[in-house]
PDB file of N, CA and C in Angstrom:
ATOM      1  N   UNK A   1       5.848  10.369 -38.272  1.00  0.00           N
ATOM      2  CA  UNK A   1       5.465   8.925 -38.326  1.00  0.00           C
ATOM      3  C   UNK A   1       4.209   8.803 -39.113  1.00  0.00           C
ATOM      4  N   UNK A   2       4.199   7.925 -40.106  1.00  0.00           N
ATOM      5  CA  UNK A   2       3.039   7.718 -40.950  1.00  0.00           C
ATOM      6  C   UNK A   2       2.065   6.861 -40.267  1.00  0.00           C
ATOM      7  N   UNK A   3       0.823   6.748 -40.876  1.00  0.00           N
ATOM      8  CA  UNK A   3      -0.177   5.926 -40.278  1.00  0.00           C
ATOM      9  C   UNK A   3       0.085   4.453 -40.364  1.00  0.00           C
ATOM     10  N   UNK A   4       0.951   4.039 -41.319  1.00  0.00           N
ATOM     11  CA  UNK A   4       1.195   2.620 -41.444  1.00  0.00           C
ATOM     12  C   UNK A   4       2.238   2.146 -40.456  1.00  0.00           C
ATOM     13  N   UNK A   5       2.978   3.078 -39.860  1.00  0.00           N
ATOM     14  CA  UNK A   5       3.973   2.695 -38.876  1.00  0.00           C
ATOM     15  C   UNK A   5       3.346   2.527 -37.538  1.00  0.00           C
ATOM     16  N   UNK A   6       3.718   1.468 -36.851  1.00  0.00           N
ATOM     17  CA  UNK A   6       3.221   1.217 -35.474  1.00  0.00           C
ATOM     18  C   UNK A   6       4.380   1.179 -34.529  1.00  0.00           C
ATOM     19  N   UNK A   7       4.114   1.617 -33.340  1.00  0.00           N
ATOM     20  CA  UNK A   7       5.212   1.665 -32.320  1.00  0.00           C
ATOM     21  C   UNK A   7       5.058   0.370 -31.496  1.00  0.00           C
ATOM     22  N   UNK A   8       6.113  -0.392 -31.337  1.00  0.00           N
ATOM     23  CA  UNK A   8       6.100  -1.549 -30.511  1.00  0.00           C
ATOM     24  C   UNK A   8       6.599  -1.145 -29.142  1.00  0.00           C
ATOM     25  N   UNK A   9       5.835  -1.396 -28.122  1.00  0.00           N
ATOM     26  CA  UNK A   9       6.280  -1.148 -26.751  1.00  0.00           C
ATOM     27  C   UNK A   9       6.702  -2.446 -26.151  1.00  0.00           C
ATOM     28  N   UNK A  10       7.944  -2.478 -25.715  1.00  0.00           N
ATOM     29  CA  UNK A  10       8.468  -3.707 -25.115  1.00  0.00           C
ATOM     30  C   UNK A  10       8.339  -3.612 -23.612  1.00  0.00           C
ATOM     31  N   UNK A  11       7.845  -4.708 -23.031  1.00  0.00           N
ATOM     32  CA  UNK A  11       7.662  -4.801 -21.593  1.00  0.00           C
ATOM     33  C   UNK A  11       8.749  -5.675 -21.023  1.00  0.00           C
ATOM     34  N   UNK A  12       9.318  -5.284 -19.878  1.00  0.00           N
ATOM     35  CA  UNK A  12      10.361  -6.066 -19.199  1.00  0.00           C
ATOM     36  C   UNK A  12       9.860  -6.603 -17.910  1.00  0.00           C
ATOM     37  N   UNK A  13      10.035  -7.880 -17.711  1.00  0.00           N
ATOM     38  CA  UNK A  13       9.647  -8.491 -16.403  1.00  0.00           C
ATOM     39  C   UNK A  13      10.762  -8.284 -15.368  1.00  0.00           C
ATOM     40  N   UNK A  14      10.508  -8.832 -14.192  1.00  0.00           N
ATOM     41  CA  UNK A  14      11.472  -8.620 -13.115  1.00  0.00           C
ATOM     42  C   UNK A  14      12.825  -9.223 -13.437  1.00  0.00           C
ATOM     43  N   UNK A  15      12.870 -10.381 -14.079  1.00  0.00           N
ATOM     44  CA  UNK A  15      14.120 -10.994 -14.404  1.00  0.00           C
ATOM     45  C   UNK A  15      14.854 -10.186 -15.498  1.00  0.00           C
ATOM     46  N   UNK A  16      14.212  -9.637 -16.476  1.00  0.00           N
ATOM     47  CA  UNK A  16      14.843  -8.827 -17.506  1.00  0.00           C
ATOM     48  C   UNK A  16      15.440  -7.572 -16.994  1.00  0.00           C
ATOM     49  N   UNK A  17      14.931  -7.049 -15.820  1.00  0.00           N
ATOM     50  CA  UNK A  17      15.458  -5.793 -15.230  1.00  0.00           C
ATOM     51  C   UNK A  17      16.863  -6.036 -14.797  1.00  0.00           C
ATOM     52  N   UNK A  18      17.219  -7.273 -14.403  1.00  0.00           N
ATOM     53  CA  UNK A  18      18.585  -7.546 -13.941  1.00  0.00           C
ATOM     54  C   UNK A  18      19.622  -7.286 -15.030  1.00  0.00           C
ATOM     55  N   UNK A  19      19.186  -7.496 -16.293  1.00  0.00           N
ATOM     56  CA  UNK A  19      20.122  -7.211 -17.405  1.00  0.00           C
ATOM     57  C   UNK A  19      20.515  -5.749 -17.480  1.00  0.00           C
ATOM     58  N   UNK A  20      19.604  -4.924 -17.013  1.00  0.00           N
ATOM     59  CA  UNK A  20      19.858  -3.457 -16.995  1.00  0.00           C
ATOM     60  C   UNK A  20      20.567  -2.976 -15.697  1.00  0.00           C
ATOM     61  N   UNK A  21      20.870  -3.950 -14.801  1.00  0.00           N
ATOM     62  CA  UNK A  21      21.534  -3.613 -13.580  1.00  0.00           C
ATOM     63  C   UNK A  21      20.616  -3.236 -12.424  1.00  0.00           C
ATOM     64  N   UNK A  22      19.363  -3.493 -12.598  1.00  0.00           N
ATOM     65  CA  UNK A  22      18.310  -3.250 -11.547  1.00  0.00           C
ATOM     66  C   UNK A  22      18.133  -4.517 -10.777  1.00  0.00           C
ATOM     67  N   UNK A  23      18.652  -4.599  -9.573  1.00  0.00           N
ATOM     68  CA  UNK A  23      18.637  -5.830  -8.836  1.00  0.00           C
ATOM     69  C   UNK A  23      17.743  -5.766  -7.575  1.00  0.00           C
ATOM     70  N   UNK A  24      16.897  -4.830  -7.518  1.00  0.00           N
ATOM     71  CA  UNK A  24      15.993  -4.655  -6.395  1.00  0.00           C
ATOM     72  C   UNK A  24      14.918  -5.773  -6.360  1.00  0.00           C
ATOM     73  N   UNK A  25      14.397  -6.016  -5.156  1.00  0.00           N
ATOM     74  CA  UNK A  25      13.274  -6.934  -4.997  1.00  0.00           C
ATOM     75  C   UNK A  25      12.055  -6.366  -5.600  1.00  0.00           C
ATOM     76  N   UNK A  26      11.053  -7.234  -5.823  1.00  0.00           N
ATOM     77  CA  UNK A  26       9.778  -6.761  -6.307  1.00  0.00           C
ATOM     78  C   UNK A  26       9.107  -5.764  -5.366  1.00  0.00           C
ATOM     79  N   UNK A  27       9.166  -6.066  -4.074  1.00  0.00           N
ATOM     80  CA  UNK A  27       8.533  -5.176  -3.061  1.00  0.00           C
ATOM     81  C   UNK A  27       9.283  -3.787  -3.024  1.00  0.00           C
ATOM     82  N   UNK A  28      10.612  -3.812  -3.145  1.00  0.00           N
ATOM     83  CA  UNK A  28      11.336  -2.542  -3.134  1.00  0.00           C
ATOM     84  C   UNK A  28      10.955  -1.721  -4.403  1.00  0.00           C
ATOM     85  N   UNK A  29      10.838  -2.417  -5.553  1.00  0.00           N
ATOM     86  CA  UNK A  29      10.468  -1.671  -6.740  1.00  0.00           C
ATOM     87  C   UNK A  29       9.075  -1.106  -6.639  1.00  0.00           C
ATOM     88  N   UNK A  30       8.145  -1.843  -5.999  1.00  0.00           N
ATOM     89  CA  UNK A  30       6.848  -1.266  -5.761  1.00  0.00           C
ATOM     90  C   UNK A  30       6.870  -0.089  -4.828  1.00  0.00           C
ATOM     91  N   UNK A  31       7.668  -0.107  -3.800  1.00  0.00           N
ATOM     92  CA  UNK A  31       7.783   0.992  -2.833  1.00  0.00           C
ATOM     93  C   UNK A  31       8.341   2.213  -3.592  1.00  0.00           C
ATOM     94  N   UNK A  32       9.369   1.938  -4.431  1.00  0.00           N
ATOM     95  CA  UNK A  32       9.961   3.115  -5.234  1.00  0.00           C
ATOM     96  C   UNK A  32       8.933   3.665  -6.228  1.00  0.00           C
ATOM     97  N   UNK A  33       8.119   2.775  -6.784  1.00  0.00           N
ATOM     98  CA  UNK A  33       7.086   3.245  -7.664  1.00  0.00           C
ATOM     99  C   UNK A  33       5.985   4.046  -6.965  1.00  0.00           C
ATOM    100  N   UNK A  34       5.667   3.688  -5.739  1.00  0.00           N
ATOM    101  CA  UNK A  34       4.755   4.423  -4.963  1.00  0.00           C
ATOM    102  C   UNK A  34       5.257   5.882  -4.638  1.00  0.00           C
ATOM    103  N   UNK A  35       6.508   6.024  -4.539  1.00  0.00           N
ATOM    104  CA  UNK A  35       7.123   7.342  -4.260  1.00  0.00           C
ATOM    105  C   UNK A  35       7.373   8.183  -5.589  1.00  0.00           C
ATOM    106  N   UNK A  36       7.189   7.537  -6.673  1.00  0.00           N
ATOM    107  CA  UNK A  36       7.385   8.222  -7.980  1.00  0.00           C
ATOM    108  C   UNK A  36       8.806   8.213  -8.411  1.00  0.00           C
ATOM    109  N   UNK A  37       9.678   7.405  -7.829  1.00  0.00           N
ATOM    110  CA  UNK A  37      11.030   7.384  -8.198  1.00  0.00           C
ATOM    111  C   UNK A  37      11.321   6.289  -9.296  1.00  0.00           C
ATOM    112  N   UNK A  38      10.505   5.243  -9.322  1.00  0.00           N
ATOM    113  CA  UNK A  38      10.631   4.189 -10.294  1.00  0.00           C
ATOM    114  C   UNK A  38       9.412   4.183 -11.150  1.00  0.00           C
ATOM    115  N   UNK A  39       9.494   3.774 -12.399  1.00  0.00           N
ATOM    116  CA  UNK A  39       8.307   3.770 -13.296  1.00  0.00           C
ATOM    117  C   UNK A  39       7.225   2.823 -12.691  1.00  0.00           C
ATOM    118  N   UNK A  40       5.965   3.136 -12.971  1.00  0.00           N
ATOM    119  CA  UNK A  40       4.956   2.275 -12.523  1.00  0.00           C
ATOM    120  C   UNK A  40       4.887   0.950 -13.254  1.00  0.00           C
ATOM    121  N   UNK A  41       4.536  -0.107 -12.580  1.00  0.00           N
ATOM    122  CA  UNK A  41       4.397  -1.371 -13.237  1.00  0.00           C
ATOM    123  C   UNK A  41       3.026  -1.523 -13.940  1.00  0.00           C
ATOM    124  N   UNK A  42       3.030  -2.455 -14.840  1.00  0.00           N
ATOM    125  CA  UNK A  42       1.807  -2.759 -15.593  1.00  0.00           C
ATOM    126  C   UNK A  42       1.511  -4.218 -15.423  1.00  0.00           C
ATOM    127  N   UNK A  43       0.227  -4.467 -15.022  1.00  0.00           N
ATOM    128  CA  UNK A  43      -0.200  -5.873 -14.755  1.00  0.00           C
ATOM    129  C   UNK A  43      -0.528  -6.485 -16.112  1.00  0.00           C
ATOM    130  N   UNK A  44       0.229  -7.531 -16.442  1.00  0.00           N
ATOM    131  CA  UNK A  44      -0.001  -8.249 -17.736  1.00  0.00           C
ATOM    132  C   UNK A  44      -1.004  -9.380 -17.605  1.00  0.00           C
ATOM    133  N   UNK A  45      -0.989  -9.983 -16.412  1.00  0.00           N
ATOM    134  CA  UNK A  45      -1.891 -11.054 -16.119  1.00  0.00           C
ATOM    135  C   UNK A  45      -2.075 -11.065 -14.550  1.00  0.00           C
ATOM    136  N   UNK A  46      -2.921 -11.921 -13.994  1.00  0.00           N
ATOM    137  CA  UNK A  46      -3.106 -11.887 -12.564  1.00  0.00           C
ATOM    138  C   UNK A  46      -1.782 -12.100 -11.743  1.00  0.00           C
ATOM    139  N   UNK A  47      -0.796 -12.867 -12.351  1.00  0.00           N
ATOM    140  CA  UNK A  47       0.423 -13.116 -11.599  1.00  0.00           C
ATOM    141  C   UNK A  47       1.706 -12.559 -12.300  1.00  0.00           C
ATOM    142  N   UNK A  48       1.526 -11.684 -13.161  1.00  0.00           N
ATOM    143  CA  UNK A  48       2.655 -11.077 -13.822  1.00  0.00           C
ATOM    144  C   UNK A  48       2.572  -9.589 -14.040  1.00  0.00           C
ATOM    145  N   UNK A  49       3.670  -8.902 -13.612  1.00  0.00           N
ATOM    146  CA  UNK A  49       3.771  -7.471 -13.837  1.00  0.00           C
ATOM    147  C   UNK A  49       5.032  -7.219 -14.641  1.00  0.00           C
ATOM    148  N   UNK A  50       5.036  -6.052 -15.365  1.00  0.00           N
ATOM    149  CA  UNK A  50       6.144  -5.734 -16.169  1.00  0.00           C
ATOM    150  C   UNK A  50       6.297  -4.200 -16.266  1.00  0.00           C
ATOM    151  N   UNK A  51       7.433  -3.747 -16.706  1.00  0.00           N
ATOM    152  CA  UNK A  51       7.649  -2.289 -16.856  1.00  0.00           C
ATOM    153  C   UNK A  51       7.995  -2.004 -18.310  1.00  0.00           C
ATOM    154  N   UNK A  52       7.625  -0.851 -18.788  1.00  0.00           N
ATOM    155  CA  UNK A  52       7.905  -0.393 -20.112  1.00  0.00           C
ATOM    156  C   UNK A  52       9.369  -0.182 -20.270  1.00  0.00           C
ATOM    157  N   UNK A  53       9.954  -0.641 -21.354  1.00  0.00           N
ATOM    158  CA  UNK A  53      11.447  -0.456 -21.541  1.00  0.00           C
ATOM    159  C   UNK A  53      11.817   0.992 -21.740  1.00  0.00           C
ATOM    160  N   UNK A  54      10.952   1.819 -22.370  1.00  0.00           N
ATOM    161  CA  UNK A  54      11.321   3.230 -22.546  1.00  0.00           C
ATOM    162  C   UNK A  54      11.341   3.934 -21.215  1.00  0.00           C
ATOM    163  N   UNK A  55      10.472   3.587 -20.313  1.00  0.00           N
ATOM    164  CA  UNK A  55      10.439   4.179 -18.987  1.00  0.00           C
ATOM    165  C   UNK A  55      11.659   3.724 -18.134  1.00  0.00           C
ATOM    166  N   UNK A  56      12.089   2.464 -18.344  1.00  0.00           N
ATOM    167  CA  UNK A  56      13.258   1.949 -17.644  1.00  0.00           C
ATOM    168  C   UNK A  56      14.497   2.701 -18.143  1.00  0.00           C
ATOM    169  N   UNK A  57      14.556   2.972 -19.412  1.00  0.00           N
ATOM    170  CA  UNK A  57      15.674   3.774 -19.962  1.00  0.00           C
ATOM    171  C   UNK A  57      15.696   5.170 -19.420  1.00  0.00           C
ATOM    172  N   UNK A  58      14.550   5.800 -19.272  1.00  0.00           N
ATOM    173  CA  UNK A  58      14.454   7.130 -18.691  1.00  0.00           C
ATOM    174  C   UNK A  58      14.936   7.088 -17.235  1.00  0.00           C
ATOM    175  N   UNK A  59      14.510   6.051 -16.515  1.00  0.00           N
ATOM    176  CA  UNK A  59      14.911   5.845 -15.051  1.00  0.00           C
ATOM    177  C   UNK A  59      16.486   5.784 -14.996  1.00  0.00           C
ATOM    178  N   UNK A  60      17.082   4.930 -15.857  1.00  0.00           N
ATOM    179  CA  UNK A  60      18.522   4.788 -15.769  1.00  0.00           C
ATOM    180  C   UNK A  60      19.279   5.997 -16.213  1.00  0.00           C
ATOM    181  N   UNK A  61      18.695   6.722 -17.142  1.00  0.00           N
ATOM    182  CA  UNK A  61      19.405   7.983 -17.566  1.00  0.00           C
ATOM    183  C   UNK A  61      19.376   9.107 -16.546  1.00  0.00           C
ATOM    184  N   UNK A  62      18.367   9.134 -15.667  1.00  0.00           N
ATOM    185  CA  UNK A  62      18.266  10.210 -14.740  1.00  0.00           C
ATOM    186  C   UNK A  62      18.812   9.827 -13.332  1.00  0.00           C
ATOM    187  N   UNK A  63      19.511   8.763 -13.188  1.00  0.00           N
ATOM    188  CA  UNK A  63      20.046   8.336 -11.895  1.00  0.00           C
ATOM    189  C   UNK A  63      21.105   9.353 -11.480  1.00  0.00           C
ATOM    190  N   UNK A  64      21.055   9.832 -10.241  1.00  0.00           N
ATOM    191  CA  UNK A  64      22.107  10.767  -9.730  1.00  0.00           C
ATOM    192  C   UNK A  64      23.407  10.033  -9.552  1.00  0.00           C
ATOM    193  N   UNK A  65      24.521  10.698  -9.809  1.00  0.00           N
ATOM    194  CA  UNK A  65      25.774  10.106  -9.588  1.00  0.00           C
ATOM    195  C   UNK A  65      26.559  10.712  -8.471  1.00  0.00           C
ATOM    196  N   UNK A  66      26.062  11.862  -8.006  1.00  0.00           N
ATOM    197  CA  UNK A  66      26.814  12.603  -6.922  1.00  0.00           C
ATOM    198  C   UNK A  66      26.245  12.416  -5.529  1.00  0.00           C
ATOM    199  N   UNK A  67      25.366  11.443  -5.359  1.00  0.00           N
ATOM    200  CA  UNK A  67      24.805  11.147  -4.051  1.00  0.00           C
ATOM    201  C   UNK A  67      23.536  11.949  -3.682  1.00  0.00           C
ATOM    202  N   UNK A  68      23.087  12.780  -4.622  1.00  0.00           N
ATOM    203  CA  UNK A  68      21.880  13.523  -4.324  1.00  0.00           C
ATOM    204  C   UNK A  68      20.653  12.618  -4.438  1.00  0.00           C
ATOM    205  N   UNK A  69      19.508  13.041  -3.822  1.00  0.00           N
ATOM    206  CA  UNK A  69      18.347  12.109  -3.925  1.00  0.00           C
ATOM    207  C   UNK A  69      17.832  12.003  -5.301  1.00  0.00           C
ATOM    208  N   UNK A  70      17.230  10.880  -5.624  1.00  0.00           N
ATOM    209  CA  UNK A  70      16.758  10.733  -7.012  1.00  0.00           C
ATOM    210  C   UNK A  70      15.570  11.591  -7.363  1.00  0.00           C
ATOM    211  N   UNK A  71      15.421  12.014  -8.577  1.00  0.00           N
ATOM    212  CA  UNK A  71      14.294  12.888  -8.945  1.00  0.00           C
ATOM    213  C   UNK A  71      12.965  12.076  -8.994  1.00  0.00           C
ATOM    214  N   UNK A  72      11.910  12.766  -8.746  1.00  0.00           N
ATOM    215  CA  UNK A  72      10.529  12.155  -8.877  1.00  0.00           C
ATOM    216  C   UNK A  72      10.110  12.385 -10.297  1.00  0.00           C
ATOM    217  N   UNK A  73      10.065  11.328 -11.085  1.00  0.00           N
ATOM    218  CA  UNK A  73       9.654  11.445 -12.501  1.00  0.00           C
ATOM    219  C   UNK A  73       8.293  11.106 -12.798  1.00  0.00           C
ATOM    220  N   UNK A  74       7.655  10.298 -11.940  1.00  0.00           N
ATOM    221  CA  UNK A  74       6.361   9.782 -12.142  1.00  0.00           C
ATOM    222  C   UNK A  74       5.393  10.237 -11.056  1.00  0.00           C
ATOM    223  N   UNK A  75       4.136  10.358 -11.198  1.00  0.00           N
ATOM    224  CA  UNK A  75       3.266  10.830 -10.160  1.00  0.00           C
ATOM    225  C   UNK A  75       3.173   9.773  -9.042  1.00  0.00           C
ATOM    226  N   UNK A  76       2.939  10.384  -7.765  1.00  0.00           N
ATOM    227  CA  UNK A  76       2.818   9.435  -6.647  1.00  0.00           C
ATOM    228  C   UNK A  76       1.575   8.572  -6.839  1.00  0.00           C
ATOM    229  N   UNK A  77       1.672   7.337  -6.367  1.00  0.00           N
ATOM    230  CA  UNK A  77       0.543   6.463  -6.400  1.00  0.00           C
ATOM    231  C   UNK A  77      -0.341   6.755  -5.122  1.00  0.00           C
ATOM    232  N   UNK A  78      -1.668   6.666  -5.258  1.00  0.00           N
ATOM    233  CA  UNK A  78      -2.442   6.837  -4.050  1.00  0.00           C
ATOM    234  C   UNK A  78      -2.250   5.663  -3.168  1.00  0.00           C
ATOM    235  N   UNK A  79      -2.000   5.900  -1.908  1.00  0.00           N
ATOM    236  CA  UNK A  79      -1.803   4.904  -0.934  1.00  0.00           C
ATOM    237  C   UNK A  79      -3.008   4.671  -0.061  1.00  0.00           C
ATOM    238  N   UNK A  80      -3.111   3.486   0.434  1.00  0.00           N
ATOM    239  CA  UNK A  80      -4.190   3.130   1.354  1.00  0.00           C
ATOM    240  C   UNK A  80      -3.549   2.475   2.596  1.00  0.00           C
ATOM    241  N   UNK A  81      -4.257   2.550   3.709  1.00  0.00           N
ATOM    242  CA  UNK A  81      -3.669   1.955   4.910  1.00  0.00           C
ATOM    243  C   UNK A  81      -3.514   0.478   4.772  1.00  0.00           C
ATOM    244  N   UNK A  82      -2.390  -0.121   5.140  1.00  0.00           N
ATOM    245  CA  UNK A  82      -2.166  -1.538   5.008  1.00  0.00           C
ATOM    246  C   UNK A  82      -1.995  -2.115   6.367  1.00  0.00           C
ATOM    247  N   UNK A  83      -2.193  -3.379   6.460  1.00  0.00           N
ATOM    248  CA  UNK A  83      -1.899  -4.069   7.669  1.00  0.00           C
ATOM    249  C   UNK A  83      -3.060  -4.189   8.673  1.00  0.00           C
ATOM    250  N   UNK A  84      -2.793  -4.940   9.620  1.00  0.00           N
ATOM    251  CA  UNK A  84      -3.866  -5.220  10.624  1.00  0.00           C
ATOM    252  C   UNK A  84      -4.134  -4.006  11.418  1.00  0.00           C
ATOM    253  N   UNK A  85      -5.364  -3.645  11.613  1.00  0.00           N
ATOM    254  CA  UNK A  85      -5.712  -2.494  12.459  1.00  0.00           C
ATOM    255  C   UNK A  85      -5.618  -1.166  11.775  1.00  0.00           C
ATOM    256  N   UNK A  86      -5.528  -1.204  10.445  1.00  0.00           N
ATOM    257  CA  UNK A  86      -5.391   0.065   9.688  1.00  0.00           C
ATOM    258  C   UNK A  86      -6.571   1.002   9.860  1.00  0.00           C
ATOM    259  N   UNK A  87      -7.757   0.399  10.014  1.00  0.00           N
ATOM    260  CA  UNK A  87      -8.971   1.205  10.151  1.00  0.00           C
ATOM    261  C   UNK A  87      -9.394   1.260  11.598  1.00  0.00           C
ATOM    262  N   UNK A  88      -8.496   0.960  12.499  1.00  0.00           N
ATOM    263  CA  UNK A  88      -8.895   0.950  13.928  1.00  0.00           C
ATOM    264  C   UNK A  88      -8.772   2.373  14.471  1.00  0.00           C
ATOM    265  N   UNK A  89      -9.826   2.704  15.314  1.00  0.00           N
ATOM    266  CA  UNK A  89      -9.886   3.960  15.941  1.00  0.00           C
ATOM    267  C   UNK A  89      -9.364   3.786  17.356  1.00  0.00           C
ATOM    268  N   UNK A  90      -8.174   4.260  17.586  1.00  0.00           N
ATOM    269  CA  UNK A  90      -7.499   4.057  18.927  1.00  0.00           C
ATOM    270  C   UNK A  90      -8.068   5.018  19.990  1.00  0.00           C
ATOM    271  N   UNK A  91      -8.832   6.004  19.695  1.00  0.00           N
ATOM    272  CA  UNK A  91      -9.428   6.885  20.678  1.00  0.00           C
ATOM    273  C   UNK A  91     -10.698   6.325  21.295  1.00  0.00           C
ATOM    274  N   UNK A  92     -11.242   5.346  20.610  1.00  0.00           N
ATOM    275  CA  UNK A  92     -12.536   4.717  21.114  1.00  0.00           C
ATOM    276  C   UNK A  92     -12.176   3.742  22.203  1.00  0.00           C
ATOM    277  N   UNK A  93     -12.890   3.792  23.315  1.00  0.00           N
ATOM    278  CA  UNK A  93     -12.575   2.788  24.389  1.00  0.00           C
ATOM    279  C   UNK A  93     -12.841   1.403  23.890  1.00  0.00           C
ATOM    280  N   UNK A  94     -12.052   0.435  24.360  1.00  0.00           N
ATOM    281  CA  UNK A  94     -12.212  -0.929  23.890  1.00  0.00           C
ATOM    282  C   UNK A  94     -12.660  -1.785  25.117  1.00  0.00           C
ATOM    283  N   UNK A  95     -13.402  -2.828  24.797  1.00  0.00           N
ATOM    284  CA  UNK A  95     -13.818  -3.789  25.818  1.00  0.00           C
ATOM    285  C   UNK A  95     -15.028  -3.368  26.642  1.00  0.00           C
ATOM    286  N   UNK A  96     -15.354  -4.166  27.599  1.00  0.00           N
ATOM    287  CA  UNK A  96     -16.478  -3.942  28.440  1.00  0.00           C
ATOM    288  C   UNK A  96     -16.062  -3.038  29.657  1.00  0.00           C
ATOM    289  N   UNK A  97     -17.047  -2.354  30.181  1.00  0.00           N
ATOM    290  CA  UNK A  97     -16.794  -1.531  31.327  1.00  0.00           C
ATOM    291  C   UNK A  97     -16.658  -2.482  32.538  1.00  0.00           C
ATOM    292  N   UNK A  98     -15.733  -2.194  33.437  1.00  0.00           N
ATOM    293  CA  UNK A  98     -15.566  -3.049  34.599  1.00  0.00           C
ATOM    294  C   UNK A  98     -16.812  -2.965  35.504  1.00  0.00           C
ATOM    295  N   UNK A  99     -17.016  -4.098  36.196  1.00  0.00           N
ATOM    296  CA  UNK A  99     -18.088  -4.211  37.179  1.00  0.00           C
ATOM    297  C   UNK A  99     -19.389  -4.675  36.588  1.00  0.00           C
ATOM    298  N   UNK A 100     -19.530  -4.951  35.315  1.00  0.00           N
ATOM    299  CA  UNK A 100     -20.678  -5.435  34.713  1.00  0.00           C
ATOM    300  C   UNK A 100     -20.770  -6.943  34.682  1.00  0.00           C
ATOM    301  N   UNK A 101     -21.957  -7.475  34.292  1.00  0.00           N
ATOM    302  CA  UNK A 101     -22.095  -8.906  34.186  1.00  0.00           C
ATOM    303  C   UNK A 101     -23.063  -9.239  33.046  1.00  0.00           C
ATOM    304  N   UNK A 102     -22.973 -10.440  32.569  1.00  0.00           N
ATOM    305  CA  UNK A 102     -23.860 -10.882  31.492  1.00  0.00           C
ATOM    306  C   UNK A 102     -25.052 -11.545  32.237  1.00  0.00           C
ATOM    307  N   UNK A 103     -26.272 -11.104  31.766  1.00  0.00           N
ATOM    308  CA  UNK A 103     -27.499 -11.648  32.336  1.00  0.00           C
ATOM    309  C   UNK A 103     -28.443 -11.986  31.190  1.00  0.00           C
ATOM    310  N   UNK A 104     -29.375 -12.930  31.479  1.00  0.00           N
ATOM    311  CA  UNK A 104     -30.333 -13.314  30.490  1.00  0.00           C
ATOM    312  C   UNK A 104     -31.613 -12.517  30.749  1.00  0.00           C
ATOM    313  N   UNK A 105     -32.132 -11.790  29.734  1.00  0.00           N
ATOM    314  CA  UNK A 105     -33.254 -10.960  29.942  1.00  0.00           C
ATOM    315  C   UNK A 105     -34.593 -11.778  29.756  1.00  0.00           C
ATOM    316  N   UNK A 106     -35.709 -11.152  29.905  1.00  0.00           N
ATOM    317  CA  UNK A 106     -37.028 -11.792  29.789  1.00  0.00           C
ATOM    318  C   UNK A 106     -37.278 -12.397  28.385  1.00  0.00           C
ATOM    319  N   UNK A 107     -36.645 -11.856  27.365  1.00  0.00           N
ATOM    320  CA  UNK A 107     -36.848 -12.395  25.972  1.00  0.00           C
ATOM    321  C   UNK A 107     -35.888 -13.587  25.736  1.00  0.00           C
ATOM    322  N   UNK A 108     -35.017 -13.897  26.651  1.00  0.00           N
ATOM    323  CA  UNK A 108     -34.104 -15.028  26.471  1.00  0.00           C
ATOM    324  C   UNK A 108     -32.781 -14.631  25.814  1.00  0.00           C
ATOM    325  N   UNK A 109     -32.571 -13.348  25.661  1.00  0.00           N
ATOM    326  CA  UNK A 109     -31.264 -12.867  25.068  1.00  0.00           C
ATOM    327  C   UNK A 109     -30.257 -12.485  26.184  1.00  0.00           C
ATOM    328  N   UNK A 110     -29.064 -12.782  25.864  1.00  0.00           N
ATOM    329  CA  UNK A 110     -28.011 -12.371  26.844  1.00  0.00           C
ATOM    330  C   UNK A 110     -27.622 -10.929  26.644  1.00  0.00           C
ATOM    331  N   UNK A 111     -27.502 -10.218  27.683  1.00  0.00           N
ATOM    332  CA  UNK A 111     -27.069  -8.751  27.637  1.00  0.00           C
ATOM    333  C   UNK A 111     -25.980  -8.547  28.701  1.00  0.00           C
ATOM    334  N   UNK A 112     -25.150  -7.595  28.414  1.00  0.00           N
ATOM    335  CA  UNK A 112     -24.133  -7.158  29.367  1.00  0.00           C
ATOM    336  C   UNK A 112     -24.689  -5.964  30.055  1.00  0.00           C
ATOM    337  N   UNK A 113     -24.733  -6.069  31.400  1.00  0.00           N
ATOM    338  CA  UNK A 113     -25.407  -5.028  32.171  1.00  0.00           C
ATOM    339  C   UNK A 113     -24.312  -4.457  33.167  1.00  0.00           C
ATOM    340  N   UNK A 114     -24.248  -3.116  33.156  1.00  0.00           N
ATOM    341  CA  UNK A 114     -23.332  -2.435  34.067  1.00  0.00           C
ATOM    342  C   UNK A 114     -24.229  -1.826  35.148  1.00  0.00           C
ATOM    343  N   UNK A 115     -23.904  -2.071  36.443  1.00  0.00           N
ATOM    344  CA  UNK A 115     -24.745  -1.499  37.490  1.00  0.00           C
ATOM    345  C   UNK A 115     -24.624   0.045  37.475  1.00  0.00           C
ATOM    346  N   UNK A 116     -25.663   0.741  37.874  1.00  0.00           N
ATOM    347  CA  UNK A 116     -25.600   2.225  37.849  1.00  0.00           C
ATOM    348  C   UNK A 116     -24.571   2.689  38.836  1.00  0.00           C
ATOM    349  N   UNK A 117     -23.957   3.800  38.468  1.00  0.00           N
ATOM    350  CA  UNK A 117     -22.921   4.319  39.393  1.00  0.00           C
ATOM    351  C   UNK A 117     -23.564   4.984  40.562  1.00  0.00           C
ATOM    352  N   UNK A 118     -23.069   4.682  41.724  1.00  0.00           N
ATOM    353  CA  UNK A 118     -23.573   5.285  43.000  1.00  0.00           C
ATOM    354  C   UNK A 118     -23.092   6.669  43.130  1.00  0.00           C
ATOM    355  N   UNK A 119     -23.946   7.569  43.611  1.00  0.00           N
ATOM    356  CA  UNK A 119     -23.469   8.965  43.800  1.00  0.00           C
ATOM    357  C   UNK A 119     -22.408   9.004  44.857  1.00  0.00           C
ATOM    358  N   UNK A 120     -21.499   9.907  44.630  1.00  0.00           N
ATOM    359  CA  UNK A 120     -20.404  10.005  45.683  1.00  0.00           C
ATOM    360  C   UNK A 120     -20.874  10.621  46.936  1.00  0.00           C
ATOM    361  N   UNK A 121     -20.764   9.897  48.065  1.00  0.00           N
ATOM    362  CA  UNK A 121     -21.144  10.415  49.333  1.00  0.00           C
ATOM    363  C   UNK A 121     -19.984  11.196  49.952  1.00  0.00           C
ATOM    364  N   UNK A 122     -20.264  12.310  50.609  1.00  0.00           N
ATOM    365  CA  UNK A 122     -19.227  13.080  51.255  1.00  0.00           C
ATOM    366  C   UNK A 122     -18.679  12.426  52.458  1.00  0.00           C
TER     367      UNK A 122
END
């Protein structure tokens, strides 16, 4: 290829993927991309993602026809915990200890006070 020749990379949006027979939802394509099965998407603007046409052709060419699992062609994406409570530590006790009460101290601040535990009498 000479210096004067440039390579045009064509990007395909979600609707253009249907022309190639790829009818998965956007969320499913993202999950497949996270596993490295589908090409990674490229963000073109804040509300638009697209895939490179050469990578889509590679994906279609390597599809298994005998029922075997699909090959991993792209690197796995780093994942982060999602959803509510993803950073929650379930080993840490939650809530207040039973038997306590809220009192106002000398400085005027409210505090939760737990009475000292009584020693076990025989």
